[in-house]
Amino acid sequence: MKRPTLAPDGTYVDGTPRLCPDGTYVGDGGPITLAPNGKYVAGRPRIAPNGQYVGGTDSVMIAPDGTYVAGPARICPNGRYI
């Protein structure tokens, strides 16, 4: 498990921020991959119960705020979970 890192666009990612072709950032949980919904994720995109795609290599889990994340949810300084 890596530490949440602030990306240049103000979002938090898991580990080292990497720039995607659309200008968003993902962490270092695998190769930058385009998910079926048009968003980029790190690693293999997996669909969560809410219809969003989660990247990374860990299991898809629900965070305390109801969002879905890869692996155990970690809270960031902005109150969001990754």
Protein backbone atom coordinates (compact mmCIF):
# COMPACT_ATOMS: atom_id res chain seq x y z
CA MET A 1 0.00 0.00 0.00
CA LYS A 2 1.41 3.34 -1.03
CA ARG A 3 0.93 6.78 0.41
CA PRO A 4 -1.59 9.20 -1.15
CA THR A 5 0.30 11.74 -3.26
CA LEU A 6 -0.91 15.14 -4.47
CA ALA A 7 -0.85 15.30 -8.29
CA PRO A 8 -0.17 18.56 -10.18
CA ASP A 9 -3.91 18.97 -10.93
CA GLY A 10 -4.84 18.93 -7.23
CA THR A 11 -6.17 15.36 -7.08
CA TYR A 12 -4.68 12.62 -4.92
CA VAL A 13 -3.40 9.35 -6.36
CA ASP A 14 -1.92 6.18 -4.90
CA GLY A 15 1.85 6.49 -5.22
CA THR A 16 3.61 8.41 -7.99
CA PRO A 17 1.29 10.59 -10.15
CA ARG A 18 1.40 9.75 -13.87
CA LEU A 19 -0.14 11.95 -16.55
CA CYS A 20 -2.81 10.35 -18.79
CA PRO A 21 -3.47 11.38 -22.42
CA ASP A 22 -6.61 13.29 -21.33
CA GLY A 23 -4.73 15.41 -18.78
CA THR A 24 -5.88 13.52 -15.67
CA TYR A 25 -3.52 11.69 -13.31
CA VAL A 26 -3.43 8.11 -12.07
CA GLY A 27 -1.16 6.43 -9.54
CA ASP A 28 1.36 3.69 -10.13
CA GLY A 29 -0.92 0.65 -9.71
CA GLY A 30 -0.16 -0.70 -13.19
CA PRO A 31 -0.02 0.56 -16.77
CA ILE A 32 -2.21 3.54 -17.74
CA THR A 33 -5.32 1.95 -19.27
CA LEU A 34 -8.41 3.42 -20.93
CA ALA A 35 -11.54 1.99 -19.28
CA PRO A 36 -14.74 1.30 -21.29
CA ASN A 37 -16.33 4.49 -19.87
CA GLY A 38 -13.58 6.66 -21.40
CA LYS A 39 -11.71 7.35 -18.15
CA TYR A 40 -8.13 6.33 -17.48
CA VAL A 41 -7.14 4.02 -14.63
CA ALA A 42 -3.90 2.48 -13.43
CA GLY A 43 -3.88 -1.24 -14.19
CA ARG A 44 -6.75 -3.40 -15.38
CA PRO A 45 -10.14 -1.64 -15.26
CA ARG A 46 -12.70 -3.47 -13.12
CA ILE A 47 -16.31 -2.44 -12.90
CA ALA A 48 -17.64 -1.56 -9.45
CA PRO A 49 -21.26 -2.14 -8.37
CA ASN A 50 -22.05 1.55 -9.04
CA GLY A 51 -20.99 1.23 -12.70
CA GLN A 52 -17.71 3.14 -12.36
CA TYR A 53 -14.36 1.59 -13.21
CA VAL A 54 -11.59 1.07 -10.67
CA GLY A 55 -7.99 0.38 -11.61
CA GLY A 56 -5.12 -1.08 -9.62
CA THR A 57 -4.37 -4.66 -8.72
CA ASP A 58 -6.21 -5.06 -5.39
CA SER A 59 -9.83 -6.13 -4.95
CA VAL A 60 -12.58 -3.55 -5.49
CA MET A 61 -13.79 -2.39 -2.07
CA ILE A 62 -16.30 0.17 -0.83
CA ALA A 63 -14.94 3.16 1.10
CA PRO A 64 -16.72 4.72 4.10
CA ASP A 65 -18.12 7.49 1.86
CA GLY A 66 -19.71 4.99 -0.55
CA THR A 67 -17.13 5.29 -3.35
CA TYR A 68 -15.30 2.25 -4.68
CA VAL A 69 -11.53 1.90 -4.52
CA ALA A 70 -8.89 -0.74 -5.19
CA GLY A 71 -7.83 -2.35 -1.93
CA PRO A 72 -8.24 -0.90 1.55
CA ALA A 73 -9.58 2.67 1.41
CA ARG A 74 -7.17 5.40 2.47
CA ILE A 75 -8.43 8.87 3.28
CA CYS A 76 -6.65 11.82 1.66
CA PRO A 77 -6.18 15.31 3.14
CA ASN A 78 -9.09 16.56 0.99
CA GLY A 79 -11.48 14.05 2.62
CA ARG A 80 -11.74 11.76 -0.44
CA TYR A 81 -10.81 8.10 -0.42
CA ILE A 82 -8.40 6.31 -2.75
